[in-house]
Amino acid sequence: MSDSLTSCPKAFVLGHPIRHSKSPALHQAAYRVLGEQIVYECLDTVEDQLASVFECFGPHSSTCGFSVTMPLKSAVMAYLDELTPFARAVGVVNTVYWREIEGLWRSFGHNTDVSGIVNALRQEGLLGLPARAAVLGGGGTATAALAALRFMGSTGVDVFVRDPRRAEGAQQAAQRLGMDLTFIPLAEFWSRLEDYELTISTLPAGAADKVVETGPRAQRAGYLLDVSYDPWPSKLALAYQESGGRVTSGLEMLMYQAVDQVRLFTGRSLEDYLPYEQQVLEAMRKAVDLPLTGYLPQQVSDPSTLGM
């Protein structure tokens, strides 16, 4: 951590609603192992409060970073000095941090959701190129899901949404990433489930329930990453398991994206391994009741891996 910050820096997760976030437990577990005196808390924030948040918190008040969740992943970019090349390629931000450059503090935006998605799936055993992939939802997390699929080698994705007009960000991301994107009505997903080796659901908790309840029973399911983790398992996850599919909770994604945030909030580079990284990972997993696996996350922060 830079000497320019006080000995007791702060970090926050911003979003709304935010009170049930598991991010504080993950971050505080990591900082205890690292011996970092960072206090990480929830800060319930809606879009029209962002200006005052940036006025109140930053290096001037010993704040070292923000984790950014819905509905702020696009809006927060207006308050940043610079995006990392990787964040520019993805098109949305979930991480804000500061660096001192030539005596001036500058705010940077980065996206660690892509790393979280890739590593959650790699840990589950999806190691090769997904033959056919689907994304449920068209918001900011869906944009990160497209980038994760591009990183894994996919060039075409079906995106299931209620209204394609509200998924402009996903369409723009597909164009930047050189991906073929097809919009399909969300109500048709369950009847087409068997077409996909991998599905990433970026829908809020409960939003996919009706699709499962009204659709015919699937005979075969592939991999599912459901970014929602409360309640868990979701109805979508249970239906996948009943159809023989392999299911990964969004809590895995949340943990792995937090690892990169810990690097940035403690003043490190994304390419740096954390001191005692295996112990850090074990502490983070125990903090949110995830089983220990021994998996070491792959680094996902080079824009050239997205075909840029």
C-alpha atoms as a PDB file:
ATOM      1  CA  MET A   1       0.000   0.000   0.000  1.00  0.00           C
ATOM      2  CA  SER A   2       1.271   3.463  -0.860  1.00  0.00           C
ATOM      3  CA  ASP A   3       2.778   5.484   1.974  1.00  0.00           C
ATOM      4  CA  SER A   4       0.539   8.360   0.830  1.00  0.00           C
ATOM      5  CA  LEU A   5      -2.462   6.598   2.354  1.00  0.00           C
ATOM      6  CA  THR A   6      -3.068   6.494   6.086  1.00  0.00           C
ATOM      7  CA  SER A   7      -2.382   3.371   8.122  1.00  0.00           C
ATOM      8  CA  CYS A   8      -6.064   2.459   8.213  1.00  0.00           C
ATOM      9  CA  PRO A   9      -7.415   2.664   4.648  1.00  0.00           C
ATOM     10  CA  LYS A  10     -10.966   1.887   3.586  1.00  0.00           C
ATOM     11  CA  ALA A  11     -12.663   0.121   0.687  1.00  0.00           C
ATOM     12  CA  PHE A  12     -16.331  -0.282  -0.167  1.00  0.00           C
ATOM     13  CA  VAL A  13     -18.715  -2.265  -2.304  1.00  0.00           C
ATOM     14  CA  LEU A  14     -21.144   0.103  -4.058  1.00  0.00           C
ATOM     15  CA  GLY A  15     -24.561  -0.860  -5.385  1.00  0.00           C
ATOM     16  CA  HIS A  16     -28.230  -1.169  -4.554  1.00  0.00           C
ATOM     17  CA  PRO A  17     -29.457  -3.248  -2.816  1.00  0.00           C
ATOM     18  CA  ILE A  18     -26.182  -4.208  -1.168  1.00  0.00           C
ATOM     19  CA  ARG A  19     -26.759  -5.223   2.464  1.00  0.00           C
ATOM     20  CA  HIS A  20     -26.630  -8.989   1.772  1.00  0.00           C
ATOM     21  CA  SER A  21     -23.354  -8.821  -0.174  1.00  0.00           C
ATOM     22  CA  LYS A  22     -20.735 -11.470   0.625  1.00  0.00           C
ATOM     23  CA  SER A  23     -17.934  -9.179  -0.580  1.00  0.00           C
ATOM     24  CA  PRO A  24     -17.035  -7.824   2.888  1.00  0.00           C
ATOM     25  CA  ALA A  25     -16.499 -11.353   4.227  1.00  0.00           C
ATOM     26  CA  LEU A  26     -14.294 -12.266   1.246  1.00  0.00           C
ATOM     27  CA  HIS A  27     -12.168  -9.135   1.353  1.00  0.00           C
ATOM     28  CA  GLN A  28     -11.712  -9.025   5.113  1.00  0.00           C
ATOM     29  CA  ALA A  29     -10.606 -12.672   5.130  1.00  0.00           C
ATOM     30  CA  ALA A  30      -7.954 -11.898   2.512  1.00  0.00           C
ATOM     31  CA  TYR A  31      -6.688  -8.777   4.291  1.00  0.00           C
ATOM     32  CA  ARG A  32      -6.315 -10.639   7.583  1.00  0.00           C
ATOM     33  CA  VAL A  33      -4.005 -13.197   5.962  1.00  0.00           C
ATOM     34  CA  LEU A  34      -2.043 -10.454   4.187  1.00  0.00           C
ATOM     35  CA  GLY A  35      -1.736  -8.326   7.302  1.00  0.00           C
ATOM     36  CA  GLU A  36      -3.372  -5.357   5.551  1.00  0.00           C
ATOM     37  CA  GLN A  37      -5.221  -2.821   7.705  1.00  0.00           C
ATOM     38  CA  ILE A  38      -8.047  -2.308   5.205  1.00  0.00           C
ATOM     39  CA  VAL A  39     -11.616  -1.907   6.457  1.00  0.00           C
ATOM     40  CA  TYR A  40     -14.043  -3.056   3.755  1.00  0.00           C
ATOM     41  CA  GLU A  41     -17.754  -2.238   4.060  1.00  0.00           C
ATOM     42  CA  CYS A  42     -21.001  -1.991   2.106  1.00  0.00           C
ATOM     43  CA  LEU A  43     -22.068   1.453   0.902  1.00  0.00           C
ATOM     44  CA  ASP A  44     -25.588   1.417  -0.507  1.00  0.00           C
ATOM     45  CA  THR A  45     -25.415   3.657  -3.578  1.00  0.00           C
ATOM     46  CA  VAL A  46     -27.736   4.509  -6.453  1.00  0.00           C
ATOM     47  CA  GLU A  47     -26.664   6.259  -9.641  1.00  0.00           C
ATOM     48  CA  ASP A  48     -27.503   9.825  -8.610  1.00  0.00           C
ATOM     49  CA  GLN A  49     -25.350   9.415  -5.479  1.00  0.00           C
ATOM     50  CA  LEU A  50     -22.151   8.535  -7.343  1.00  0.00           C
ATOM     51  CA  ALA A  51     -20.889  12.126  -7.585  1.00  0.00           C
ATOM     52  CA  SER A  52     -21.101  12.620  -3.817  1.00  0.00           C
ATOM     53  CA  VAL A  53     -19.490   9.215  -3.185  1.00  0.00           C
ATOM     54  CA  PHE A  54     -16.460  10.199  -5.269  1.00  0.00           C
ATOM     55  CA  GLU A  55     -16.314  13.551  -3.496  1.00  0.00           C
ATOM     56  CA  CYS A  56     -16.355  11.925  -0.069  1.00  0.00           C
ATOM     57  CA  PHE A  57     -14.173   8.884  -0.718  1.00  0.00           C
ATOM     58  CA  GLY A  58     -10.837   8.512  -2.425  1.00  0.00           C
ATOM     59  CA  PRO A  59      -7.137   8.842  -1.552  1.00  0.00           C
ATOM     60  CA  HIS A  60      -7.938  12.108   0.286  1.00  0.00           C
ATOM     61  CA  SER A  61     -10.005  10.083   2.757  1.00  0.00           C
ATOM     62  CA  SER A  62      -7.740   6.992   2.769  1.00  0.00           C
ATOM     63  CA  THR A  63     -10.054   5.026   0.461  1.00  0.00           C
ATOM     64  CA  CYS A  64      -8.143   2.566  -1.716  1.00  0.00           C
ATOM     65  CA  GLY A  65     -10.929   1.130  -3.864  1.00  0.00           C
ATOM     66  CA  PHE A  66     -14.533   0.379  -4.725  1.00  0.00           C
ATOM     67  CA  SER A  67     -16.100  -2.873  -5.775  1.00  0.00           C
ATOM     68  CA  VAL A  68     -19.002  -1.922  -8.059  1.00  0.00           C
ATOM     69  CA  THR A  69     -22.125  -3.986  -8.517  1.00  0.00           C
ATOM     70  CA  MET A  70     -25.518  -3.435 -10.124  1.00  0.00           C
ATOM     71  CA  PRO A  71     -26.874  -1.019 -11.168  1.00  0.00           C
ATOM     72  CA  LEU A  72     -23.664   1.035 -11.387  1.00  0.00           C
ATOM     73  CA  LYS A  73     -21.280  -0.894 -13.653  1.00  0.00           C
ATOM     74  CA  SER A  74     -21.757   1.430 -16.609  1.00  0.00           C
ATOM     75  CA  ALA A  75     -22.648   4.655 -14.794  1.00  0.00           C
ATOM     76  CA  VAL A  76     -19.485   4.668 -12.681  1.00  0.00           C
ATOM     77  CA  MET A  77     -17.280   5.067 -15.763  1.00  0.00           C
ATOM     78  CA  ALA A  78     -18.234   8.748 -16.059  1.00  0.00           C
ATOM     79  CA  TYR A  79     -16.405   9.457 -12.781  1.00  0.00           C
ATOM     80  CA  LEU A  80     -13.081   7.803 -13.675  1.00  0.00           C
ATOM     81  CA  ASP A  81      -9.885   9.298 -15.054  1.00  0.00           C
ATOM     82  CA  GLU A  82      -8.944   6.203 -17.014  1.00  0.00           C
ATOM     83  CA  LEU A  83      -9.966   2.627 -17.841  1.00  0.00           C
ATOM     84  CA  THR A  84      -7.507  -0.231 -18.020  1.00  0.00           C
ATOM     85  CA  PRO A  85      -7.111  -1.604 -21.565  1.00  0.00           C
ATOM     86  CA  PHE A  86      -8.962  -4.729 -20.432  1.00  0.00           C
ATOM     87  CA  ALA A  87     -11.899  -2.703 -19.086  1.00  0.00           C
ATOM     88  CA  ARG A  88     -12.089  -0.742 -22.347  1.00  0.00           C
ATOM     89  CA  ALA A  89     -12.319  -4.028 -24.233  1.00  0.00           C
ATOM     90  CA  VAL A  90     -15.065  -5.361 -21.961  1.00  0.00           C
ATOM     91  CA  GLY A  91     -17.028  -2.115 -21.800  1.00  0.00           C
ATOM     92  CA  VAL A  92     -18.186  -2.195 -18.171  1.00  0.00           C
ATOM     93  CA  VAL A  93     -16.406  -1.685 -14.848  1.00  0.00           C
ATOM     94  CA  ASN A  94     -16.785  -3.467 -11.526  1.00  0.00           C
ATOM     95  CA  THR A  95     -13.604  -2.223  -9.839  1.00  0.00           C
ATOM     96  CA  VAL A  96     -12.310   1.282  -9.060  1.00  0.00           C
ATOM     97  CA  TYR A  97      -8.855   1.941  -7.642  1.00  0.00           C
ATOM     98  CA  TRP A  98      -6.373   4.815  -7.441  1.00  0.00           C
ATOM     99  CA  ARG A  99      -2.716   5.177  -8.342  1.00  0.00           C
ATOM    100  CA  GLU A 100      -0.387   8.134  -7.785  1.00  0.00           C
ATOM    101  CA  ILE A 101       1.235   9.221 -11.059  1.00  0.00           C
ATOM    102  CA  GLU A 102       3.727  12.091 -11.123  1.00  0.00           C
ATOM    103  CA  GLY A 103       2.397  13.379  -7.827  1.00  0.00           C
ATOM    104  CA  LEU A 104      -1.290  13.253  -8.797  1.00  0.00           C
ATOM    105  CA  TRP A 105      -3.873  10.637  -7.871  1.00  0.00           C
ATOM    106  CA  ARG A 106      -5.796   9.143 -10.776  1.00  0.00           C
ATOM    107  CA  SER A 107      -8.834   6.873 -10.589  1.00  0.00           C
ATOM    108  CA  PHE A 108      -8.839   3.744 -12.729  1.00  0.00           C
ATOM    109  CA  GLY A 109     -11.645   1.399 -13.717  1.00  0.00           C
ATOM    110  CA  HIS A 110     -11.123  -2.303 -14.304  1.00  0.00           C
ATOM    111  CA  ASN A 111     -13.291  -5.380 -14.816  1.00  0.00           C
ATOM    112  CA  THR A 112     -12.598  -8.442 -12.657  1.00  0.00           C
ATOM    113  CA  ASP A 113     -15.954 -10.120 -13.393  1.00  0.00           C
ATOM    114  CA  VAL A 114     -14.449 -11.723 -16.504  1.00  0.00           C
ATOM    115  CA  SER A 115     -11.733 -13.337 -14.406  1.00  0.00           C
ATOM    116  CA  GLY A 116     -14.354 -14.460 -11.908  1.00  0.00           C
ATOM    117  CA  ILE A 117     -16.453 -16.141 -14.588  1.00  0.00           C
ATOM    118  CA  VAL A 118     -13.518 -17.848 -16.327  1.00  0.00           C
ATOM    119  CA  ASN A 119     -12.032 -19.195 -13.118  1.00  0.00           C
ATOM    120  CA  ALA A 120     -15.369 -20.356 -11.696  1.00  0.00           C
ATOM    121  CA  LEU A 121     -15.902 -22.410 -14.863  1.00  0.00           C
ATOM    122  CA  ARG A 122     -12.314 -23.671 -15.065  1.00  0.00           C
ATOM    123  CA  GLN A 123     -12.504 -24.873 -11.479  1.00  0.00           C
ATOM    124  CA  GLU A 124     -15.729 -26.719 -12.264  1.00  0.00           C
ATOM    125  CA  GLY A 125     -13.892 -28.605 -15.004  1.00  0.00           C
ATOM    126  CA  LEU A 126     -14.846 -26.733 -18.184  1.00  0.00           C
ATOM    127  CA  LEU A 127     -11.345 -26.575 -19.653  1.00  0.00           C
ATOM    128  CA  GLY A 128     -11.801 -26.482 -23.413  1.00  0.00           C
ATOM    129  CA  LEU A 129     -13.679 -24.314 -25.878  1.00  0.00           C
ATOM    130  CA  PRO A 130     -17.452 -24.390 -25.222  1.00  0.00           C
ATOM    131  CA  ALA A 131     -18.963 -25.801 -28.418  1.00  0.00           C
ATOM    132  CA  ARG A 132     -22.146 -23.747 -28.052  1.00  0.00           C
ATOM    133  CA  ALA A 133     -22.859 -21.199 -25.344  1.00  0.00           C
ATOM    134  CA  ALA A 134     -25.848 -19.202 -24.149  1.00  0.00           C
ATOM    135  CA  VAL A 135     -26.124 -16.145 -21.925  1.00  0.00           C
ATOM    136  CA  LEU A 136     -29.318 -15.297 -20.026  1.00  0.00           C
ATOM    137  CA  GLY A 137     -29.807 -11.558 -19.591  1.00  0.00           C
ATOM    138  CA  GLY A 138     -28.385  -8.527 -21.371  1.00  0.00           C
ATOM    139  CA  GLY A 139     -27.048  -6.206 -18.671  1.00  0.00           C
ATOM    140  CA  GLY A 140     -23.570  -5.339 -17.422  1.00  0.00           C
ATOM    141  CA  THR A 141     -22.776  -8.809 -16.129  1.00  0.00           C
ATOM    142  CA  ALA A 142     -23.895 -10.279 -19.452  1.00  0.00           C
ATOM    143  CA  THR A 143     -21.312  -8.062 -21.138  1.00  0.00           C
ATOM    144  CA  ALA A 144     -18.631  -9.549 -18.867  1.00  0.00           C
ATOM    145  CA  ALA A 145     -19.970 -13.034 -19.658  1.00  0.00           C
ATOM    146  CA  LEU A 146     -19.490 -12.389 -23.374  1.00  0.00           C
ATOM    147  CA  ALA A 147     -15.903 -11.315 -22.748  1.00  0.00           C
ATOM    148  CA  ALA A 148     -15.300 -14.452 -20.657  1.00  0.00           C
ATOM    149  CA  LEU A 149     -16.637 -16.638 -23.452  1.00  0.00           C
ATOM    150  CA  ARG A 150     -14.425 -14.823 -25.935  1.00  0.00           C
ATOM    151  CA  PHE A 151     -11.442 -15.471 -23.660  1.00  0.00           C
ATOM    152  CA  MET A 152     -12.363 -19.167 -23.656  1.00  0.00           C
ATOM    153  CA  GLY A 153     -12.463 -19.200 -27.456  1.00  0.00           C
ATOM    154  CA  SER A 154     -16.131 -18.698 -28.346  1.00  0.00           C
ATOM    155  CA  THR A 155     -16.926 -16.530 -31.362  1.00  0.00           C
ATOM    156  CA  GLY A 156     -20.713 -16.915 -31.392  1.00  0.00           C
ATOM    157  CA  VAL A 157     -23.212 -16.728 -28.520  1.00  0.00           C
ATOM    158  CA  ASP A 158     -26.995 -16.834 -28.176  1.00  0.00           C
ATOM    159  CA  VAL A 159     -28.297 -14.243 -25.715  1.00  0.00           C
ATOM    160  CA  PHE A 160     -31.747 -14.810 -24.200  1.00  0.00           C
ATOM    161  CA  VAL A 161     -33.492 -11.587 -23.159  1.00  0.00           C
ATOM    162  CA  ARG A 162     -36.993 -10.254 -22.685  1.00  0.00           C
ATOM    163  CA  ASP A 163     -36.292  -7.118 -24.730  1.00  0.00           C
ATOM    164  CA  PRO A 164     -33.248  -6.831 -27.046  1.00  0.00           C
ATOM    165  CA  ARG A 165     -33.643  -3.036 -27.056  1.00  0.00           C
ATOM    166  CA  ARG A 166     -32.445  -3.046 -23.431  1.00  0.00           C
ATOM    167  CA  ALA A 167     -29.309  -5.061 -24.264  1.00  0.00           C
ATOM    168  CA  GLU A 168     -27.463  -2.463 -26.321  1.00  0.00           C
ATOM    169  CA  GLY A 169     -24.347  -2.840 -24.168  1.00  0.00           C
ATOM    170  CA  ALA A 170     -24.148  -6.539 -24.941  1.00  0.00           C
ATOM    171  CA  GLN A 171     -24.534  -5.843 -28.648  1.00  0.00           C
ATOM    172  CA  GLN A 172     -21.747  -3.252 -28.565  1.00  0.00           C
ATOM    173  CA  ALA A 173     -19.507  -5.639 -26.616  1.00  0.00           C
ATOM    174  CA  ALA A 174     -20.045  -8.362 -29.189  1.00  0.00           C
ATOM    175  CA  GLN A 175     -18.998  -5.977 -31.948  1.00  0.00           C
ATOM    176  CA  ARG A 176     -15.835  -4.945 -30.070  1.00  0.00           C
ATOM    177  CA  LEU A 177     -14.958  -8.563 -29.347  1.00  0.00           C
ATOM    178  CA  GLY A 178     -15.649  -9.802 -32.866  1.00  0.00           C
ATOM    179  CA  MET A 179     -18.432 -12.144 -31.760  1.00  0.00           C
ATOM    180  CA  ASP A 180     -21.606 -13.165 -33.554  1.00  0.00           C
ATOM    181  CA  LEU A 181     -24.526 -12.522 -31.227  1.00  0.00           C
ATOM    182  CA  THR A 182     -28.097 -13.718 -31.681  1.00  0.00           C
ATOM    183  CA  PHE A 183     -30.934 -12.447 -29.479  1.00  0.00           C
ATOM    184  CA  ILE A 184     -33.636 -14.991 -28.606  1.00  0.00           C
ATOM    185  CA  PRO A 185     -36.724 -14.463 -26.394  1.00  0.00           C
ATOM    186  CA  LEU A 186     -36.041 -15.554 -22.832  1.00  0.00           C
ATOM    187  CA  ALA A 187     -39.233 -17.607 -22.745  1.00  0.00           C
ATOM    188  CA  GLU A 188     -37.747 -19.968 -25.351  1.00  0.00           C
ATOM    189  CA  PHE A 189     -34.621 -20.858 -23.382  1.00  0.00           C
ATOM    190  CA  TRP A 190     -35.754 -23.972 -21.528  1.00  0.00           C
ATOM    191  CA  SER A 191     -37.058 -25.613 -24.696  1.00  0.00           C
ATOM    192  CA  ARG A 192     -33.620 -25.102 -26.276  1.00  0.00           C
ATOM    193  CA  LEU A 193     -31.510 -25.982 -23.255  1.00  0.00           C
ATOM    194  CA  GLU A 194     -30.017 -29.111 -24.810  1.00  0.00           C
ATOM    195  CA  ASP A 195     -28.469 -27.038 -27.612  1.00  0.00           C
ATOM    196  CA  TYR A 196     -25.857 -25.566 -25.276  1.00  0.00           C
ATOM    197  CA  GLU A 197     -22.781 -27.058 -23.657  1.00  0.00           C
ATOM    198  CA  LEU A 198     -22.544 -23.978 -21.427  1.00  0.00           C
ATOM    199  CA  THR A 199     -25.071 -21.475 -20.117  1.00  0.00           C
ATOM    200  CA  ILE A 200     -24.228 -18.391 -18.068  1.00  0.00           C
ATOM    201  CA  SER A 201     -27.236 -16.878 -16.324  1.00  0.00           C
ATOM    202  CA  THR A 202     -26.714 -13.235 -15.406  1.00  0.00           C
ATOM    203  CA  LEU A 203     -30.324 -12.743 -14.318  1.00  0.00           C
ATOM    204  CA  PRO A 204     -31.207 -11.453 -10.829  1.00  0.00           C
ATOM    205  CA  ALA A 205     -32.314 -13.958  -8.205  1.00  0.00           C
ATOM    206  CA  GLY A 206     -35.605 -15.590  -9.170  1.00  0.00           C
ATOM    207  CA  ALA A 207     -35.793 -14.047 -12.641  1.00  0.00           C
ATOM    208  CA  ALA A 208     -35.330 -17.418 -14.383  1.00  0.00           C
ATOM    209  CA  ASP A 209     -37.793 -19.309 -12.191  1.00  0.00           C
ATOM    210  CA  LYS A 210     -40.791 -18.834 -14.463  1.00  0.00           C
ATOM    211  CA  VAL A 211     -38.827 -19.995 -17.512  1.00  0.00           C
ATOM    212  CA  VAL A 212     -38.044 -23.278 -15.765  1.00  0.00           C
ATOM    213  CA  GLU A 213     -41.542 -23.739 -14.342  1.00  0.00           C
ATOM    214  CA  THR A 214     -43.333 -23.331 -17.669  1.00  0.00           C
ATOM    215  CA  GLY A 215     -40.902 -25.180 -19.924  1.00  0.00           C
ATOM    216  CA  PRO A 216     -40.804 -28.893 -20.746  1.00  0.00           C
ATOM    217  CA  ARG A 217     -38.414 -31.071 -18.774  1.00  0.00           C
ATOM    218  CA  ALA A 218     -34.986 -31.180 -20.387  1.00  0.00           C
ATOM    219  CA  GLN A 219     -33.410 -34.574 -21.045  1.00  0.00           C
ATOM    220  CA  ARG A 220     -29.804 -33.394 -21.031  1.00  0.00           C
ATOM    221  CA  ALA A 221     -28.070 -30.311 -19.646  1.00  0.00           C
ATOM    222  CA  GLY A 222     -24.481 -29.081 -19.872  1.00  0.00           C
ATOM    223  CA  TYR A 223     -22.657 -26.626 -17.622  1.00  0.00           C
ATOM    224  CA  LEU A 224     -24.447 -23.790 -15.837  1.00  0.00           C
ATOM    225  CA  LEU A 225     -22.928 -20.792 -14.082  1.00  0.00           C
ATOM    226  CA  ASP A 226     -25.706 -18.941 -12.282  1.00  0.00           C
ATOM    227  CA  VAL A 227     -24.261 -15.643 -11.087  1.00  0.00           C
ATOM    228  CA  SER A 228     -27.064 -15.412  -8.535  1.00  0.00           C
ATOM    229  CA  TYR A 229     -26.133 -17.132  -5.274  1.00  0.00           C
ATOM    230  CA  ASP A 230     -28.869 -16.135  -2.814  1.00  0.00           C
ATOM    231  CA  PRO A 231     -30.924 -18.252  -2.436  1.00  0.00           C
ATOM    232  CA  TRP A 232     -28.836 -21.248  -3.475  1.00  0.00           C
ATOM    233  CA  PRO A 233     -29.426 -23.518  -5.202  1.00  0.00           C
ATOM    234  CA  SER A 234     -31.729 -21.514  -7.442  1.00  0.00           C
ATOM    235  CA  LYS A 235     -34.645 -23.178  -9.220  1.00  0.00           C
ATOM    236  CA  LEU A 236     -32.639 -22.931 -12.423  1.00  0.00           C
ATOM    237  CA  ALA A 237     -29.669 -24.704 -10.806  1.00  0.00           C
ATOM    238  CA  LEU A 238     -31.892 -27.448  -9.376  1.00  0.00           C
ATOM    239  CA  ALA A 239     -33.508 -28.021 -12.769  1.00  0.00           C
ATOM    240  CA  TYR A 240     -30.051 -28.318 -14.360  1.00  0.00           C
ATOM    241  CA  GLN A 241     -28.934 -30.835 -11.763  1.00  0.00           C
ATOM    242  CA  GLU A 242     -32.111 -32.883 -12.261  1.00  0.00           C
ATOM    243  CA  SER A 243     -31.284 -32.979 -15.972  1.00  0.00           C
ATOM    244  CA  GLY A 244     -27.752 -34.234 -15.332  1.00  0.00           C
ATOM    245  CA  GLY A 245     -26.032 -30.881 -15.695  1.00  0.00           C
ATOM    246  CA  ARG A 246     -23.062 -29.480 -13.770  1.00  0.00           C
ATOM    247  CA  VAL A 247     -23.779 -26.350 -11.783  1.00  0.00           C
ATOM    248  CA  THR A 248     -21.547 -23.566 -10.481  1.00  0.00           C
ATOM    249  CA  SER A 249     -22.734 -20.939  -8.023  1.00  0.00           C
ATOM    250  CA  GLY A 250     -22.176 -17.245  -8.557  1.00  0.00           C
ATOM    251  CA  LEU A 251     -20.423 -17.292  -5.205  1.00  0.00           C
ATOM    252  CA  GLU A 252     -17.459 -18.927  -6.966  1.00  0.00           C
ATOM    253  CA  MET A 253     -17.429 -16.104  -9.495  1.00  0.00           C
ATOM    254  CA  LEU A 254     -17.683 -13.533  -6.701  1.00  0.00           C
ATOM    255  CA  MET A 255     -14.710 -15.043  -4.893  1.00  0.00           C
ATOM    256  CA  TYR A 256     -12.403 -15.203  -7.899  1.00  0.00           C
ATOM    257  CA  GLN A 257     -13.203 -11.691  -9.063  1.00  0.00           C
ATOM    258  CA  ALA A 258     -12.478 -10.483  -5.521  1.00  0.00           C
ATOM    259  CA  VAL A 259      -8.964 -11.965  -5.664  1.00  0.00           C
ATOM    260  CA  ASP A 260      -7.999  -9.499  -8.398  1.00  0.00           C
ATOM    261  CA  GLN A 261      -9.634  -6.651  -6.476  1.00  0.00           C
ATOM    262  CA  VAL A 262      -7.515  -7.544  -3.455  1.00  0.00           C
ATOM    263  CA  ARG A 263      -4.403  -7.262  -5.636  1.00  0.00           C
ATOM    264  CA  LEU A 264      -5.427  -3.802  -6.834  1.00  0.00           C
ATOM    265  CA  PHE A 265      -6.646  -2.478  -3.473  1.00  0.00           C
ATOM    266  CA  THR A 266      -3.343  -3.449  -1.825  1.00  0.00           C
ATOM    267  CA  GLY A 267      -1.347  -1.564  -4.461  1.00  0.00           C
ATOM    268  CA  ARG A 268      -0.220  -4.589  -6.443  1.00  0.00           C
ATOM    269  CA  SER A 269      -0.321  -5.385 -10.146  1.00  0.00           C
ATOM    270  CA  LEU A 270      -2.805  -7.841 -11.600  1.00  0.00           C
ATOM    271  CA  GLU A 271       0.167  -9.902 -12.770  1.00  0.00           C
ATOM    272  CA  ASP A 272       1.495 -10.257  -9.209  1.00  0.00           C
ATOM    273  CA  TYR A 273       0.827 -13.319  -7.125  1.00  0.00           C
ATOM    274  CA  LEU A 274      -0.360 -12.433  -3.654  1.00  0.00           C
ATOM    275  CA  PRO A 275       1.913 -13.310  -0.745  1.00  0.00           C
ATOM    276  CA  TYR A 276       0.640 -16.585   0.721  1.00  0.00           C
ATOM    277  CA  GLU A 277      -1.841 -16.795  -2.156  1.00  0.00           C
ATOM    278  CA  GLN A 278      -2.967 -20.333  -1.365  1.00  0.00           C
ATOM    279  CA  GLN A 279      -3.658 -19.358   2.245  1.00  0.00           C
ATOM    280  CA  VAL A 280      -5.514 -16.261   1.064  1.00  0.00           C
ATOM    281  CA  LEU A 281      -7.728 -18.368  -1.207  1.00  0.00           C
ATOM    282  CA  GLU A 282      -8.438 -20.861   1.561  1.00  0.00           C
ATOM    283  CA  ALA A 283      -9.385 -18.079   3.980  1.00  0.00           C
ATOM    284  CA  MET A 284     -11.701 -16.466   1.450  1.00  0.00           C
ATOM    285  CA  ARG A 285     -13.427 -19.771   0.687  1.00  0.00           C
ATOM    286  CA  LYS A 286     -13.904 -20.575   4.366  1.00  0.00           C
ATOM    287  CA  ALA A 287     -15.342 -17.086   4.972  1.00  0.00           C
ATOM    288  CA  VAL A 288     -18.302 -17.814   2.662  1.00  0.00           C
ATOM    289  CA  ASP A 289     -18.575 -21.576   3.275  1.00  0.00           C
ATOM    290  CA  LEU A 290     -17.141 -22.701  -0.063  1.00  0.00           C
ATOM    291  CA  PRO A 291     -15.344 -26.059  -0.044  1.00  0.00           C
ATOM    292  CA  LEU A 292     -11.559 -26.014  -0.311  1.00  0.00           C
ATOM    293  CA  THR A 293     -10.310 -27.113  -3.726  1.00  0.00           C
ATOM    294  CA  GLY A 294      -6.640 -26.200  -4.115  1.00  0.00           C
ATOM    295  CA  TYR A 295      -7.398 -24.534  -7.461  1.00  0.00           C
ATOM    296  CA  LEU A 296      -5.142 -21.570  -8.318  1.00  0.00           C
ATOM    297  CA  PRO A 297      -6.882 -18.984 -10.516  1.00  0.00           C
ATOM    298  CA  GLN A 298      -5.755 -18.222 -14.032  1.00  0.00           C
ATOM    299  CA  GLN A 299      -4.770 -14.631 -14.769  1.00  0.00           C
ATOM    300  CA  VAL A 300      -7.386 -12.924 -16.968  1.00  0.00           C
ATOM    301  CA  SER A 301      -6.476  -9.285 -17.593  1.00  0.00           C
ATOM    302  CA  ASP A 302      -4.716  -9.109 -20.967  1.00  0.00           C
ATOM    303  CA  PRO A 303      -6.934  -7.502 -23.644  1.00  0.00           C
ATOM    304  CA  SER A 304      -5.094  -9.429 -26.379  1.00  0.00           C
ATOM    305  CA  THR A 305      -6.747 -12.594 -25.037  1.00  0.00           C
ATOM    306  CA  LEU A 306     -10.087 -11.087 -26.086  1.00  0.00           C
ATOM    307  CA  GLY A 307      -9.047 -10.808 -29.704  1.00  0.00           C
ATOM    308  CA  MET A 308      -8.407  -7.070 -29.418  1.00  0.00           C
END
